[in-house]
Amino acid sequence: MNIQFQTPHQYLFIHQNVKHLLLLWKKERKRDLYLVEEENDQYNLSYPGETYVETVLEQIEPILLQHLETEEETFTAILGATFHYQDKLIALYYHPTFPDEQLYFFEIQGETLIDLSDEEFPLVLHTFATEFPEYFSSKA
């Protein structure tokens, strides 16, 4: 089953080891956040409550969309996950048109993204792949 919402602004991301679905309704200026649980190839959405929603939105809204510049183009990257590596909060971003082709990792300090060193990048990627193997198999 494939479910589509009447908004092009649908974001599935992992935050604090929990999958979330964020729906932004631009016209109505409304935001809906749901917890996503996978069970036997089925996704179950549940509303976590207003306090939880406000807390998560406060944490992720400043970092949800980021303008990234590569050698090829400048584009708006979408937050795919946040997770901890050593004592750092890391964000994974993906290209909206090519979500499976390139992943971008940054350290988050407040609302600022910090580039990872060349030495850290493979270790961060390995940590993410180990903690969230389902991300690579379910990303569409």
N, C-alpha and C. Protein backbone atom coordinates (compact mmCIF):
# COMPACT_ATOMS: atom_id res chain seq x y z
N MET A 1 0.84 -1.17 0.00
CA MET A 1 0.00 0.00 0.00
C MET A 1 0.89 1.24 0.00
N ASN A 2 0.53 2.20 -0.83
CA ASN A 2 1.26 3.45 -0.92
C ASN A 2 0.31 4.58 -0.56
N ILE A 3 0.62 5.32 0.48
CA ILE A 3 -0.25 6.40 0.92
C ILE A 3 0.42 7.73 0.61
N GLN A 4 -0.33 8.62 -0.02
CA GLN A 4 0.16 9.96 -0.32
C GLN A 4 -0.72 10.98 0.39
N PHE A 5 -0.12 12.02 0.88
CA PHE A 5 -0.87 13.10 1.51
C PHE A 5 -1.01 14.24 0.51
N GLN A 6 -1.95 15.13 0.74
CA GLN A 6 -2.18 16.24 -0.17
C GLN A 6 -1.24 17.40 0.10
N THR A 7 -0.02 17.08 0.40
CA THR A 7 1.02 18.09 0.55
C THR A 7 2.32 17.50 0.02
N PRO A 8 3.08 18.29 -0.71
CA PRO A 8 4.37 17.78 -1.18
C PRO A 8 5.43 17.80 -0.08
N HIS A 9 5.07 18.33 1.07
CA HIS A 9 6.03 18.51 2.15
C HIS A 9 5.85 17.40 3.19
N GLN A 10 6.41 16.23 2.87
CA GLN A 10 6.34 15.06 3.75
C GLN A 10 7.77 14.63 4.04
N TYR A 11 8.12 14.55 5.30
CA TYR A 11 9.49 14.25 5.67
C TYR A 11 9.53 13.09 6.66
N LEU A 12 10.19 12.02 6.27
CA LEU A 12 10.39 10.88 7.14
C LEU A 12 11.83 10.96 7.64
N PHE A 13 12.02 10.97 8.95
CA PHE A 13 13.37 11.11 9.50
C PHE A 13 13.46 10.37 10.84
N ILE A 14 14.70 10.09 11.22
CA ILE A 14 14.99 9.46 12.51
C ILE A 14 15.57 10.53 13.42
N HIS A 15 14.99 10.65 14.61
CA HIS A 15 15.49 11.61 15.60
C HIS A 15 15.41 10.95 16.97
N GLN A 16 16.53 10.96 17.68
CA GLN A 16 16.62 10.32 19.00
C GLN A 16 16.19 8.85 18.92
N ASN A 17 16.68 8.17 17.88
CA ASN A 17 16.42 6.74 17.66
C ASN A 17 14.95 6.41 17.41
N VAL A 18 14.16 7.39 17.01
CA VAL A 18 12.73 7.18 16.74
C VAL A 18 12.44 7.69 15.34
N LYS A 19 11.68 6.90 14.57
CA LYS A 19 11.25 7.36 13.25
C LYS A 19 10.05 8.28 13.40
N HIS A 20 10.09 9.36 12.62
CA HIS A 20 9.02 10.35 12.64
C HIS A 20 8.58 10.65 11.21
N LEU A 21 7.33 11.04 11.07
CA LEU A 21 6.81 11.57 9.81
C LEU A 21 6.31 12.98 10.10
N LEU A 22 6.85 13.94 9.38
CA LEU A 22 6.44 15.33 9.52
C LEU A 22 5.72 15.75 8.25
N LEU A 23 4.51 16.26 8.42
CA LEU A 23 3.72 16.79 7.31
C LEU A 23 3.58 18.29 7.51
N LEU A 24 3.94 19.04 6.49
CA LEU A 24 3.79 20.49 6.54
C LEU A 24 2.70 20.89 5.56
N TRP A 25 1.71 21.57 6.06
CA TRP A 25 0.59 22.06 5.26
C TRP A 25 0.79 23.56 5.11
N LYS A 26 1.42 23.98 4.04
CA LYS A 26 1.79 25.38 3.84
C LYS A 26 0.57 26.30 3.85
N LYS A 27 -0.47 25.94 3.10
CA LYS A 27 -1.65 26.80 2.99
C LYS A 27 -2.28 27.06 4.35
N GLU A 28 -2.41 26.00 5.13
CA GLU A 28 -3.05 26.11 6.44
C GLU A 28 -2.07 26.51 7.53
N ARG A 29 -0.77 26.56 7.17
CA ARG A 29 0.29 26.84 8.15
C ARG A 29 0.20 25.89 9.33
N LYS A 30 0.08 24.63 8.98
CA LYS A 30 -0.08 23.59 10.00
C LYS A 30 1.03 22.55 9.86
N ARG A 31 1.39 21.96 10.98
CA ARG A 31 2.41 20.91 11.01
C ARG A 31 1.84 19.72 11.77
N ASP A 32 2.01 18.54 11.20
CA ASP A 32 1.60 17.31 11.88
C ASP A 32 2.83 16.43 12.02
N LEU A 33 3.05 15.91 13.22
CA LEU A 33 4.17 15.02 13.47
C LEU A 33 3.64 13.71 14.03
N TYR A 34 4.12 12.61 13.47
CA TYR A 34 3.68 11.29 13.90
C TYR A 34 4.90 10.42 14.19
N LEU A 35 4.73 9.49 15.10
CA LEU A 35 5.72 8.44 15.32
C LEU A 35 5.44 7.35 14.29
N VAL A 36 6.50 6.76 13.76
CA VAL A 36 6.35 5.72 12.75
C VAL A 36 6.94 4.44 13.31
N GLU A 37 6.12 3.40 13.36
CA GLU A 37 6.59 2.09 13.81
C GLU A 37 6.39 1.10 12.68
N GLU A 38 7.44 0.31 12.42
CA GLU A 38 7.35 -0.72 11.39
C GLU A 38 7.01 -2.04 12.04
N GLU A 39 6.06 -2.74 11.44
CA GLU A 39 5.67 -4.04 11.94
C GLU A 39 5.24 -4.91 10.77
N ASN A 40 6.01 -5.96 10.50
CA ASN A 40 5.70 -6.89 9.40
C ASN A 40 5.46 -6.15 8.09
N ASP A 41 6.42 -5.36 7.66
CA ASP A 41 6.32 -4.59 6.41
C ASP A 41 5.15 -3.62 6.38
N GLN A 42 4.69 -3.21 7.52
CA GLN A 42 3.59 -2.26 7.62
C GLN A 42 4.04 -1.10 8.50
N TYR A 43 3.67 0.11 8.11
CA TYR A 43 3.98 1.28 8.91
C TYR A 43 2.75 1.67 9.71
N ASN A 44 2.94 1.87 10.99
CA ASN A 44 1.86 2.33 11.86
C ASN A 44 2.22 3.73 12.34
N LEU A 45 1.30 4.67 12.13
CA LEU A 45 1.50 6.04 12.58
C LEU A 45 0.72 6.27 13.85
N SER A 46 1.35 6.95 14.79
CA SER A 46 0.63 7.29 16.02
C SER A 46 0.98 8.73 16.40
N TYR A 47 0.00 9.41 16.94
CA TYR A 47 0.21 10.78 17.38
C TYR A 47 0.79 10.75 18.78
N PRO A 48 1.97 11.38 19.00
CA PRO A 48 2.65 11.26 20.29
C PRO A 48 2.19 12.24 21.36
N GLY A 49 1.33 13.17 21.03
CA GLY A 49 0.89 14.16 22.01
C GLY A 49 1.52 15.51 21.75
N GLU A 50 0.83 16.55 22.16
CA GLU A 50 1.23 17.92 21.85
C GLU A 50 2.58 18.31 22.43
N THR A 51 2.85 17.93 23.67
CA THR A 51 4.12 18.29 24.30
C THR A 51 5.30 17.66 23.56
N TYR A 52 5.17 16.38 23.21
CA TYR A 52 6.22 15.69 22.46
C TYR A 52 6.43 16.38 21.11
N VAL A 53 5.34 16.65 20.41
CA VAL A 53 5.43 17.29 19.09
C VAL A 53 6.15 18.63 19.20
N GLU A 54 5.76 19.45 20.15
CA GLU A 54 6.39 20.76 20.32
C GLU A 54 7.88 20.64 20.62
N THR A 55 8.25 19.67 21.45
CA THR A 55 9.65 19.46 21.81
C THR A 55 10.47 19.05 20.59
N VAL A 56 9.99 18.07 19.84
CA VAL A 56 10.73 17.59 18.67
C VAL A 56 10.81 18.68 17.60
N LEU A 57 9.71 19.36 17.35
CA LEU A 57 9.74 20.43 16.34
C LEU A 57 10.71 21.53 16.73
N GLU A 58 10.76 21.86 18.00
CA GLU A 58 11.71 22.88 18.47
C GLU A 58 13.15 22.44 18.19
N GLN A 59 13.41 21.14 18.30
CA GLN A 59 14.75 20.62 18.09
C GLN A 59 15.11 20.50 16.61
N ILE A 60 14.16 20.10 15.77
CA ILE A 60 14.53 19.79 14.38
C ILE A 60 14.20 20.89 13.36
N GLU A 61 13.23 21.74 13.65
CA GLU A 61 12.87 22.75 12.64
C GLU A 61 14.04 23.62 12.19
N PRO A 62 14.92 24.06 13.09
CA PRO A 62 16.03 24.90 12.62
C PRO A 62 17.02 24.15 11.72
N ILE A 63 17.00 22.82 11.75
CA ILE A 63 17.97 22.05 10.97
C ILE A 63 17.32 21.15 9.92
N LEU A 64 16.00 21.19 9.79
CA LEU A 64 15.29 20.27 8.90
C LEU A 64 15.74 20.40 7.45
N LEU A 65 15.79 21.60 6.94
CA LEU A 65 16.19 21.86 5.56
C LEU A 65 17.43 22.73 5.57
N GLN A 66 18.43 22.35 4.79
CA GLN A 66 19.68 23.10 4.74
C GLN A 66 20.09 23.32 3.29
N HIS A 67 20.55 24.51 2.98
CA HIS A 67 21.08 24.77 1.64
C HIS A 67 22.52 24.28 1.62
N LEU A 68 22.79 23.31 0.74
CA LEU A 68 24.13 22.76 0.60
C LEU A 68 24.67 23.11 -0.77
N GLU A 69 25.96 23.32 -0.82
CA GLU A 69 26.63 23.64 -2.07
C GLU A 69 27.68 22.59 -2.35
N THR A 70 27.55 21.91 -3.49
CA THR A 70 28.54 20.94 -3.93
C THR A 70 29.24 21.51 -5.16
N GLU A 71 30.17 20.76 -5.71
CA GLU A 71 30.84 21.21 -6.93
C GLU A 71 29.86 21.30 -8.09
N GLU A 72 28.81 20.47 -8.06
CA GLU A 72 27.86 20.41 -9.17
C GLU A 72 26.71 21.40 -9.04
N GLU A 73 26.24 21.66 -7.82
CA GLU A 73 25.03 22.46 -7.67
C GLU A 73 24.86 22.94 -6.23
N THR A 74 23.90 23.84 -6.08
CA THR A 74 23.41 24.25 -4.77
C THR A 74 21.97 23.76 -4.67
N PHE A 75 21.61 23.14 -3.55
CA PHE A 75 20.28 22.56 -3.40
C PHE A 75 19.87 22.57 -1.94
N THR A 76 18.59 22.32 -1.71
CA THR A 76 18.08 22.22 -0.35
C THR A 76 18.09 20.76 0.06
N ALA A 77 18.93 20.43 1.02
CA ALA A 77 19.03 19.05 1.52
C ALA A 77 18.01 18.86 2.64
N ILE A 78 17.57 17.62 2.78
CA ILE A 78 16.54 17.27 3.76
C ILE A 78 17.15 16.41 4.87
N LEU A 79 16.79 16.70 6.09
CA LEU A 79 17.27 15.93 7.24
C LEU A 79 16.72 14.51 7.17
N GLY A 80 17.60 13.53 7.23
CA GLY A 80 17.20 12.13 7.23
C GLY A 80 17.31 11.51 8.61
N ALA A 81 18.24 12.02 9.41
CA ALA A 81 18.44 11.43 10.74
C ALA A 81 19.34 12.31 11.58
N THR A 82 19.17 12.17 12.89
CA THR A 82 20.13 12.69 13.85
C THR A 82 20.55 11.52 14.72
N PHE A 83 21.79 11.51 15.12
CA PHE A 83 22.29 10.44 15.98
C PHE A 83 23.58 10.92 16.65
N HIS A 84 24.02 10.18 17.65
CA HIS A 84 25.23 10.56 18.37
C HIS A 84 26.41 9.71 17.91
N TYR A 85 27.53 10.38 17.73
CA TYR A 85 28.80 9.74 17.43
C TYR A 85 29.80 10.32 18.42
N GLN A 86 30.38 9.45 19.24
CA GLN A 86 31.19 9.89 20.36
C GLN A 86 30.34 10.87 21.16
N ASP A 87 30.79 12.05 21.44
CA ASP A 87 29.96 12.99 22.19
C ASP A 87 29.39 14.09 21.30
N LYS A 88 29.25 13.79 20.01
CA LYS A 88 28.77 14.79 19.06
C LYS A 88 27.40 14.40 18.53
N LEU A 89 26.57 15.41 18.29
CA LEU A 89 25.29 15.19 17.63
C LEU A 89 25.53 15.34 16.13
N ILE A 90 25.17 14.31 15.39
CA ILE A 90 25.41 14.26 13.94
C ILE A 90 24.08 14.31 13.21
N ALA A 91 24.07 14.99 12.07
CA ALA A 91 22.90 15.04 11.20
C ALA A 91 23.25 14.41 9.86
N LEU A 92 22.34 13.60 9.36
CA LEU A 92 22.46 13.04 8.02
C LEU A 92 21.45 13.77 7.14
N TYR A 93 21.91 14.23 5.99
CA TYR A 93 21.04 14.90 5.02
C TYR A 93 21.10 14.15 3.70
N TYR A 94 20.04 14.31 2.91
CA TYR A 94 20.02 13.70 1.58
C TYR A 94 19.45 14.69 0.56
N HIS A 95 19.78 14.44 -0.70
CA HIS A 95 19.32 15.26 -1.82
C HIS A 95 17.86 14.92 -2.09
N PRO A 96 16.96 15.90 -2.24
CA PRO A 96 15.54 15.60 -2.42
C PRO A 96 15.23 14.85 -3.72
N THR A 97 16.01 15.08 -4.76
CA THR A 97 15.77 14.41 -6.04
C THR A 97 16.46 13.06 -6.11
N PHE A 98 17.59 12.92 -5.46
CA PHE A 98 18.38 11.69 -5.50
C PHE A 98 18.68 11.21 -4.09
N PRO A 99 17.67 10.78 -3.34
CA PRO A 99 17.89 10.47 -1.92
C PRO A 99 18.82 9.28 -1.66
N ASP A 100 18.99 8.41 -2.65
CA ASP A 100 19.82 7.23 -2.43
C ASP A 100 21.24 7.39 -2.96
N GLU A 101 21.50 8.47 -3.67
CA GLU A 101 22.79 8.59 -4.35
C GLU A 101 23.88 9.22 -3.50
N GLN A 102 23.53 10.15 -2.63
CA GLN A 102 24.56 10.83 -1.85
C GLN A 102 24.00 11.19 -0.47
N LEU A 103 24.77 10.86 0.55
CA LEU A 103 24.42 11.22 1.91
C LEU A 103 25.43 12.24 2.41
N TYR A 104 24.96 13.18 3.18
CA TYR A 104 25.81 14.25 3.71
C TYR A 104 25.70 14.23 5.23
N PHE A 105 26.85 14.17 5.89
CA PHE A 105 26.89 14.14 7.35
C PHE A 105 27.55 15.41 7.88
N PHE A 106 26.98 15.94 8.95
CA PHE A 106 27.53 17.13 9.60
C PHE A 106 27.38 16.98 11.10
N GLU A 107 28.27 17.63 11.82
CA GLU A 107 28.08 17.76 13.26
C GLU A 107 27.15 18.94 13.48
N ILE A 108 26.23 18.80 14.44
CA ILE A 108 25.31 19.89 14.76
C ILE A 108 25.79 20.55 16.05
N GLN A 109 26.00 21.85 15.98
CA GLN A 109 26.31 22.64 17.17
C GLN A 109 25.30 23.77 17.22
N GLY A 110 24.30 23.61 18.09
CA GLY A 110 23.20 24.57 18.12
C GLY A 110 22.39 24.43 16.85
N GLU A 111 22.36 25.49 16.05
CA GLU A 111 21.67 25.45 14.76
C GLU A 111 22.67 25.48 13.60
N THR A 112 23.95 25.29 13.92
CA THR A 112 25.02 25.37 12.93
C THR A 112 25.51 23.98 12.55
N LEU A 113 25.75 23.79 11.25
CA LEU A 113 26.32 22.54 10.76
C LEU A 113 27.82 22.71 10.62
N ILE A 114 28.56 21.74 11.14
CA ILE A 114 30.02 21.76 11.09
C ILE A 114 30.47 20.59 10.22
N ASP A 115 31.35 20.86 9.25
CA ASP A 115 31.88 19.79 8.41
C ASP A 115 32.66 18.79 9.25
N LEU A 116 32.55 17.52 8.89
CA LEU A 116 33.33 16.48 9.54
C LEU A 116 34.70 16.41 8.88
N SER A 117 35.69 16.00 9.64
CA SER A 117 37.02 15.83 9.07
C SER A 117 37.03 14.60 8.17
N ASP A 118 38.02 14.52 7.30
CA ASP A 118 38.14 13.36 6.41
C ASP A 118 38.32 12.07 7.21
N GLU A 119 38.93 12.17 8.38
CA GLU A 119 39.13 10.99 9.22
C GLU A 119 37.83 10.57 9.90
N GLU A 120 37.01 11.53 10.28
CA GLU A 120 35.76 11.22 10.99
C GLU A 120 34.68 10.65 10.07
N PHE A 121 34.64 11.11 8.82
CA PHE A 121 33.54 10.75 7.94
C PHE A 121 33.29 9.24 7.84
N PRO A 122 34.31 8.41 7.53
CA PRO A 122 34.02 6.97 7.42
C PRO A 122 33.59 6.35 8.75
N LEU A 123 34.07 6.88 9.86
CA LEU A 123 33.68 6.36 11.17
C LEU A 123 32.23 6.73 11.48
N VAL A 124 31.83 7.94 11.12
CA VAL A 124 30.44 8.38 11.31
C VAL A 124 29.52 7.55 10.42
N LEU A 125 29.90 7.35 9.17
CA LEU A 125 29.10 6.55 8.25
C LEU A 125 28.94 5.12 8.77
N HIS A 126 30.02 4.55 9.26
CA HIS A 126 29.96 3.19 9.82
C HIS A 126 29.04 3.14 11.04
N THR A 127 29.14 4.13 11.91
CA THR A 127 28.28 4.19 13.10
C THR A 127 26.82 4.26 12.69
N PHE A 128 26.51 5.11 11.73
CA PHE A 128 25.13 5.25 11.27
C PHE A 128 24.63 3.95 10.64
N ALA A 129 25.43 3.35 9.77
CA ALA A 129 25.02 2.11 9.10
C ALA A 129 24.82 0.98 10.10
N THR A 130 25.61 0.96 11.16
CA THR A 130 25.48 -0.07 12.19
C THR A 130 24.23 0.15 13.03
N GLU A 131 23.96 1.40 13.40
CA GLU A 131 22.81 1.70 14.25
C GLU A 131 21.48 1.68 13.50
N PHE A 132 21.51 2.01 12.21
CA PHE A 132 20.27 2.13 11.44
C PHE A 132 20.37 1.41 10.10
N PRO A 133 20.59 0.10 10.10
CA PRO A 133 20.71 -0.61 8.81
C PRO A 133 19.43 -0.53 7.98
N GLU A 134 18.29 -0.39 8.65
CA GLU A 134 17.02 -0.31 7.93
C GLU A 134 16.90 0.95 7.09
N TYR A 135 17.65 1.98 7.42
CA TYR A 135 17.59 3.23 6.66
C TYR A 135 17.99 2.99 5.21
N PHE A 136 19.01 2.17 5.02
CA PHE A 136 19.51 1.93 3.67
C PHE A 136 18.58 1.01 2.88
N SER A 137 17.90 0.10 3.56
CA SER A 137 17.02 -0.82 2.85
C SER A 137 15.64 -0.24 2.61
N SER A 138 15.22 0.77 3.39
CA SER A 138 13.86 1.29 3.26
C SER A 138 13.81 2.65 2.58
N LYS A 139 14.95 3.27 2.31
CA LYS A 139 14.94 4.60 1.71
C LYS A 139 14.47 4.52 0.28
N ALA A 140 13.46 5.30 -0.06
CA ALA A 140 12.95 5.31 -1.44
C ALA A 140 12.94 6.70 -2.00
